[in-house]
């Protein structure tokens, strides 16, 4: 199944789950950009026990919107649990590569009792 635009409900959902799986993996980086690799390395150094959940919110021919939640223990703040939740919108080029990404999220402190996502 091609994950390139135009999207159907099935391919939009599959694209969202693929993005979720890539972020949760944290074992590989997007090839090509040293700046992205450094950003992610620093992010994951701070964010221990990282968990992410993404769900399809809406889609059109070459756009997908998702709602997300992620949580982690903050290595720079006494290993306190934090959560970010919000919305992303993605625009894709014809070859399936992301052309634009916008994200709006809210960060909150949470107790270990309300973690993890999906429990």
N, C-alpha and C. Protein backbone atom coordinates (compact mmCIF):
# COMPACT_ATOMS: atom_id res chain seq x y z
N UNK A 1 0.85 -1.17 0.00
CA UNK A 1 0.00 0.00 0.00
C UNK A 1 0.90 1.23 0.00
N UNK A 2 0.62 2.14 -0.91
CA UNK A 2 1.38 3.39 -0.99
C UNK A 2 0.88 4.36 0.08
N UNK A 3 1.81 5.02 0.75
CA UNK A 3 1.45 6.02 1.75
C UNK A 3 1.64 7.43 1.19
N UNK A 4 1.65 7.55 -0.14
CA UNK A 4 1.77 8.85 -0.79
C UNK A 4 0.38 9.41 -1.08
N UNK A 5 0.25 10.75 -1.18
CA UNK A 5 -1.04 11.33 -1.53
C UNK A 5 -1.45 10.94 -2.95
N UNK A 6 -2.76 11.00 -3.25
CA UNK A 6 -3.86 11.41 -2.39
C UNK A 6 -4.20 10.33 -1.37
N UNK A 7 -4.61 10.77 -0.17
CA UNK A 7 -4.88 9.84 0.92
C UNK A 7 -6.32 9.35 0.90
N UNK A 8 -6.48 8.12 1.33
CA UNK A 8 -7.80 7.58 1.66
C UNK A 8 -7.83 7.48 3.18
N UNK A 9 -8.98 7.15 3.75
CA UNK A 9 -9.03 6.97 5.20
C UNK A 9 -8.00 5.93 5.63
N UNK A 10 -7.88 4.83 4.89
CA UNK A 10 -6.96 3.75 5.24
C UNK A 10 -5.50 4.20 5.16
N UNK A 11 -5.11 4.88 4.07
CA UNK A 11 -3.71 5.28 3.94
C UNK A 11 -3.35 6.43 4.88
N UNK A 12 -4.30 7.33 5.16
CA UNK A 12 -4.04 8.41 6.13
C UNK A 12 -3.82 7.81 7.51
N UNK A 13 -4.65 6.86 7.89
CA UNK A 13 -4.49 6.19 9.19
C UNK A 13 -3.15 5.46 9.25
N UNK A 14 -2.77 4.76 8.19
CA UNK A 14 -1.49 4.03 8.16
C UNK A 14 -0.31 4.99 8.26
N UNK A 15 -0.40 6.17 7.63
CA UNK A 15 0.67 7.17 7.69
C UNK A 15 0.83 7.67 9.12
N UNK A 16 -0.28 7.91 9.83
CA UNK A 16 -0.23 8.36 11.22
C UNK A 16 0.43 7.30 12.09
N UNK A 17 0.04 6.04 11.94
CA UNK A 17 0.60 4.96 12.76
C UNK A 17 2.09 4.77 12.46
N UNK A 18 2.49 4.94 11.20
CA UNK A 18 3.91 4.83 10.86
C UNK A 18 4.70 5.92 11.57
N UNK A 19 4.19 7.15 11.59
CA UNK A 19 4.87 8.25 12.29
C UNK A 19 4.95 7.96 13.79
N UNK A 20 3.87 7.44 14.36
CA UNK A 20 3.88 7.07 15.78
C UNK A 20 4.95 6.03 16.06
N UNK A 21 5.01 5.00 15.25
CA UNK A 21 5.99 3.92 15.45
C UNK A 21 7.41 4.42 15.32
N UNK A 22 7.67 5.32 14.36
CA UNK A 22 9.02 5.85 14.19
C UNK A 22 9.46 6.66 15.41
N UNK A 23 8.56 7.50 15.94
CA UNK A 23 8.91 8.28 17.13
C UNK A 23 9.12 7.38 18.34
N UNK A 24 8.27 6.38 18.50
CA UNK A 24 8.40 5.48 19.65
C UNK A 24 9.66 4.63 19.57
N UNK A 25 10.15 4.36 18.36
CA UNK A 25 11.34 3.52 18.19
C UNK A 25 12.60 4.15 18.74
N UNK A 26 12.82 5.40 18.47
CA UNK A 26 13.98 6.15 18.95
C UNK A 26 15.31 5.47 18.66
N UNK A 27 15.36 4.50 17.79
CA UNK A 27 16.63 3.83 17.51
C UNK A 27 17.25 4.29 16.21
N UNK A 28 16.50 4.96 15.37
CA UNK A 28 17.08 5.44 14.12
C UNK A 28 16.67 6.88 13.88
N UNK A 29 17.49 7.56 13.09
CA UNK A 29 17.23 8.95 12.77
C UNK A 29 16.89 9.08 11.30
N UNK A 30 16.22 10.17 10.98
CA UNK A 30 15.96 10.48 9.59
C UNK A 30 17.31 10.69 8.91
N UNK A 31 17.55 10.03 7.83
CA UNK A 31 18.84 10.13 7.13
C UNK A 31 18.98 11.51 6.50
N UNK A 32 20.18 12.03 6.55
CA UNK A 32 20.47 13.23 5.79
C UNK A 32 20.83 14.46 6.58
N UNK A 33 20.11 14.81 7.58
CA UNK A 33 20.33 16.09 8.24
C UNK A 33 20.96 15.92 9.62
N UNK A 34 22.19 16.38 9.73
CA UNK A 34 22.90 16.32 11.00
C UNK A 34 22.16 17.12 12.07
N UNK A 35 21.58 18.24 11.67
CA UNK A 35 20.86 19.08 12.63
C UNK A 35 19.68 18.34 13.24
N UNK A 36 18.95 17.58 12.44
CA UNK A 36 17.82 16.81 12.96
C UNK A 36 18.32 15.73 13.91
N UNK A 37 19.41 15.07 13.54
CA UNK A 37 19.97 14.03 14.41
C UNK A 37 20.39 14.60 15.76
N UNK A 38 21.03 15.75 15.76
CA UNK A 38 21.45 16.36 17.02
C UNK A 38 20.24 16.77 17.86
N UNK A 39 19.23 17.33 17.20
CA UNK A 39 18.01 17.71 17.91
C UNK A 39 17.38 16.51 18.60
N UNK A 40 17.22 15.45 17.87
CA UNK A 40 16.58 14.27 18.44
C UNK A 40 17.43 13.64 19.53
N UNK A 41 18.74 13.61 19.36
CA UNK A 41 19.62 13.06 20.39
C UNK A 41 19.48 13.85 21.69
N UNK A 42 19.46 15.16 21.59
CA UNK A 42 19.29 15.99 22.79
C UNK A 42 17.91 15.82 23.41
N UNK A 43 16.90 15.74 22.57
CA UNK A 43 15.52 15.55 23.06
C UNK A 43 15.42 14.25 23.84
N UNK A 44 15.97 13.18 23.28
CA UNK A 44 15.84 11.87 23.93
C UNK A 44 16.76 11.73 25.13
N UNK A 45 17.80 12.55 25.21
CA UNK A 45 18.64 12.54 26.41
C UNK A 45 17.85 13.10 27.60
N UNK A 46 17.03 14.09 27.33
CA UNK A 46 16.20 14.70 28.37
C UNK A 46 14.97 13.85 28.68
N UNK A 47 14.34 13.29 27.66
CA UNK A 47 13.04 12.65 27.79
C UNK A 47 13.20 11.14 27.95
N UNK A 48 13.30 10.69 29.19
CA UNK A 48 13.45 9.26 29.49
C UNK A 48 12.06 8.61 29.57
N UNK A 49 12.00 7.31 29.35
CA UNK A 49 10.73 6.54 29.41
C UNK A 49 9.68 7.13 28.47
N UNK A 50 10.11 7.60 27.33
CA UNK A 50 9.26 8.29 26.36
C UNK A 50 8.21 7.36 25.77
N UNK A 51 6.96 7.84 25.73
CA UNK A 51 5.85 7.11 25.11
C UNK A 51 5.04 8.10 24.28
N UNK A 52 4.60 7.66 23.12
CA UNK A 52 3.83 8.52 22.23
C UNK A 52 2.62 7.77 21.70
N UNK A 53 1.52 8.51 21.58
CA UNK A 53 0.32 7.99 20.95
C UNK A 53 -0.17 9.04 19.95
N UNK A 54 -0.48 8.62 18.72
CA UNK A 54 -1.03 9.50 17.70
C UNK A 54 -2.31 8.87 17.16
N UNK A 55 -3.29 9.73 16.88
CA UNK A 55 -4.54 9.26 16.28
C UNK A 55 -4.91 10.18 15.12
N UNK A 56 -5.44 9.58 14.07
CA UNK A 56 -5.91 10.34 12.92
C UNK A 56 -7.06 11.25 13.35
N UNK A 57 -6.96 12.53 13.00
CA UNK A 57 -7.99 13.51 13.33
C UNK A 57 -8.81 13.86 12.08
N UNK A 58 -8.10 14.13 10.96
CA UNK A 58 -8.75 14.45 9.69
C UNK A 58 -7.74 14.29 8.57
N UNK A 59 -8.23 14.21 7.33
CA UNK A 59 -7.32 14.11 6.19
C UNK A 59 -8.00 14.65 4.94
N UNK A 60 -7.18 15.00 3.95
CA UNK A 60 -7.64 15.33 2.60
C UNK A 60 -6.62 14.76 1.63
N UNK A 61 -6.64 15.19 0.39
CA UNK A 61 -5.77 14.60 -0.63
C UNK A 61 -4.30 14.50 -0.20
N UNK A 62 -3.71 15.61 0.25
CA UNK A 62 -2.29 15.60 0.60
C UNK A 62 -2.03 16.13 2.01
N UNK A 63 -3.05 16.12 2.86
CA UNK A 63 -2.91 16.63 4.22
C UNK A 63 -3.47 15.63 5.22
N UNK A 64 -2.83 15.59 6.38
CA UNK A 64 -3.29 14.76 7.49
C UNK A 64 -3.20 15.60 8.76
N UNK A 65 -4.21 15.52 9.60
CA UNK A 65 -4.17 16.13 10.93
C UNK A 65 -4.26 15.01 11.95
N UNK A 66 -3.44 15.12 13.00
CA UNK A 66 -3.43 14.11 14.06
C UNK A 66 -3.55 14.79 15.41
N UNK A 67 -4.11 14.06 16.35
CA UNK A 67 -4.01 14.47 17.75
C UNK A 67 -2.99 13.54 18.39
N UNK A 68 -2.24 14.06 19.34
CA UNK A 68 -1.17 13.27 19.94
C UNK A 68 -1.08 13.52 21.43
N UNK A 69 -0.47 12.56 22.10
CA UNK A 69 -0.11 12.65 23.50
C UNK A 69 1.25 12.01 23.63
N UNK A 70 2.17 12.64 24.32
CA UNK A 70 3.39 11.92 24.67
C UNK A 70 3.77 12.28 26.09
N UNK A 71 4.43 11.35 26.73
CA UNK A 71 4.85 11.58 28.10
C UNK A 71 6.24 11.00 28.30
N UNK A 72 6.90 11.53 29.31
CA UNK A 72 8.28 11.15 29.57
C UNK A 72 8.66 11.58 30.98
N UNK A 73 9.76 11.02 31.45
CA UNK A 73 10.36 11.48 32.70
C UNK A 73 11.45 12.47 32.32
N UNK A 74 11.41 13.65 32.93
CA UNK A 74 12.32 14.74 32.59
C UNK A 74 13.64 14.58 33.34
N UNK A 75 14.69 14.18 32.62
CA UNK A 75 16.01 13.96 33.23
C UNK A 75 16.60 15.26 33.75
N UNK A 76 16.10 16.41 33.29
CA UNK A 76 16.62 17.70 33.73
C UNK A 76 15.76 18.32 34.82
N UNK A 77 14.75 17.59 35.30
CA UNK A 77 13.85 18.10 36.34
C UNK A 77 13.51 17.00 37.33
N UNK A 78 14.54 16.34 37.84
CA UNK A 78 14.34 15.35 38.90
C UNK A 78 13.54 14.13 38.49
N UNK A 79 13.53 13.81 37.19
CA UNK A 79 12.80 12.65 36.66
C UNK A 79 11.29 12.75 36.89
N UNK A 80 10.77 13.99 37.00
CA UNK A 80 9.32 14.19 37.10
C UNK A 80 8.65 13.78 35.79
N UNK A 81 7.44 13.21 35.89
CA UNK A 81 6.68 12.84 34.71
C UNK A 81 6.06 14.09 34.09
N UNK A 82 6.14 14.18 32.76
CA UNK A 82 5.56 15.29 32.00
C UNK A 82 4.73 14.71 30.86
N UNK A 83 3.74 15.47 30.42
CA UNK A 83 2.94 15.07 29.26
C UNK A 83 2.76 16.28 28.36
N UNK A 84 2.81 16.03 27.07
CA UNK A 84 2.47 17.04 26.07
C UNK A 84 1.33 16.46 25.24
N UNK A 85 0.33 17.27 24.98
CA UNK A 85 -0.77 16.83 24.13
C UNK A 85 -1.16 17.96 23.20
N UNK A 86 -1.64 17.61 22.02
CA UNK A 86 -2.03 18.65 21.08
C UNK A 86 -2.37 18.10 19.72
N UNK A 87 -2.22 18.98 18.72
CA UNK A 87 -2.56 18.66 17.34
C UNK A 87 -1.38 18.96 16.42
N UNK A 88 -1.26 18.17 15.36
CA UNK A 88 -0.29 18.41 14.30
C UNK A 88 -1.04 18.42 12.99
N UNK A 89 -0.56 19.25 12.04
CA UNK A 89 -1.05 19.08 10.68
C UNK A 89 0.14 18.95 9.75
N UNK A 90 0.01 18.00 8.85
CA UNK A 90 1.09 17.64 7.92
C UNK A 90 0.61 17.88 6.50
N UNK A 91 1.49 18.43 5.65
CA UNK A 91 1.23 18.55 4.22
C UNK A 91 2.33 17.78 3.50
N UNK A 92 1.94 16.94 2.54
CA UNK A 92 2.89 16.07 1.85
C UNK A 92 3.05 16.45 0.39
N UNK A 93 4.26 16.25 -0.13
CA UNK A 93 4.54 16.40 -1.55
C UNK A 93 4.04 15.15 -2.27
N UNK A 94 4.02 15.19 -3.58
CA UNK A 94 3.53 14.05 -4.36
C UNK A 94 4.33 12.78 -4.12
N UNK A 95 5.62 12.91 -3.76
CA UNK A 95 6.46 11.72 -3.52
C UNK A 95 6.27 11.14 -2.13
N UNK A 96 5.36 11.73 -1.33
CA UNK A 96 5.06 11.21 -0.01
C UNK A 96 5.90 11.81 1.10
N UNK A 97 6.89 12.63 0.76
CA UNK A 97 7.72 13.28 1.78
C UNK A 97 6.97 14.46 2.37
N UNK A 98 7.17 14.67 3.67
CA UNK A 98 6.49 15.76 4.34
C UNK A 98 7.07 17.09 3.86
N UNK A 99 6.19 17.95 3.39
CA UNK A 99 6.58 19.27 2.92
C UNK A 99 6.44 20.31 4.02
N UNK A 100 5.46 20.13 4.90
CA UNK A 100 5.22 21.09 5.98
C UNK A 100 4.65 20.35 7.18
N UNK A 101 5.07 20.77 8.37
CA UNK A 101 4.52 20.23 9.61
C UNK A 101 4.32 21.38 10.58
N UNK A 102 3.13 21.46 11.15
CA UNK A 102 2.85 22.42 12.21
C UNK A 102 2.35 21.66 13.42
N UNK A 103 2.74 22.11 14.60
CA UNK A 103 2.33 21.43 15.83
C UNK A 103 1.97 22.48 16.87
N UNK A 104 0.92 22.20 17.59
CA UNK A 104 0.55 23.00 18.75
C UNK A 104 0.32 22.04 19.90
N UNK A 105 1.06 22.23 21.00
CA UNK A 105 0.95 21.31 22.12
C UNK A 105 0.96 22.02 23.45
N UNK A 106 0.44 21.36 24.44
CA UNK A 106 0.42 21.86 25.82
C UNK A 106 1.21 20.90 26.69
N UNK A 107 2.13 21.44 27.48
CA UNK A 107 2.94 20.64 28.39
C UNK A 107 2.37 20.75 29.80
N UNK A 108 2.24 19.60 30.47
CA UNK A 108 1.77 19.59 31.86
C UNK A 108 2.60 18.59 32.66
N UNK A 109 2.70 18.84 33.96
CA UNK A 109 3.29 17.86 34.87
C UNK A 109 2.20 16.86 35.23
N UNK A 110 2.58 15.59 35.34
CA UNK A 110 1.63 14.55 35.73
C UNK A 110 2.26 13.69 36.82
N UNK A 111 1.43 12.98 37.55
CA UNK A 111 1.95 12.05 38.55
C UNK A 111 2.16 10.70 37.90
N UNK A 112 3.00 9.90 38.50
CA UNK A 112 3.24 8.55 37.98
C UNK A 112 1.95 7.74 37.96
N UNK A 113 1.01 8.09 38.84
CA UNK A 113 -0.26 7.36 38.93
C UNK A 113 -1.10 7.49 37.66
N UNK A 114 -0.99 8.62 36.93
CA UNK A 114 -1.79 8.79 35.72
C UNK A 114 -1.03 8.36 34.47
N UNK A 115 0.20 7.94 34.63
CA UNK A 115 1.00 7.44 33.52
C UNK A 115 0.92 5.92 33.52
N UNK A 116 1.06 5.20 32.48
CA UNK A 116 1.40 5.64 31.14
C UNK A 116 0.18 5.85 30.26
N UNK A 117 0.44 6.43 29.10
CA UNK A 117 -0.60 6.59 28.07
C UNK A 117 -1.15 5.22 27.73
N UNK A 118 -2.45 5.16 27.61
CA UNK A 118 -3.07 3.92 27.16
C UNK A 118 -3.27 2.88 28.24
N UNK A 119 -2.89 3.17 29.47
CA UNK A 119 -3.05 2.18 30.54
C UNK A 119 -4.45 2.21 31.10
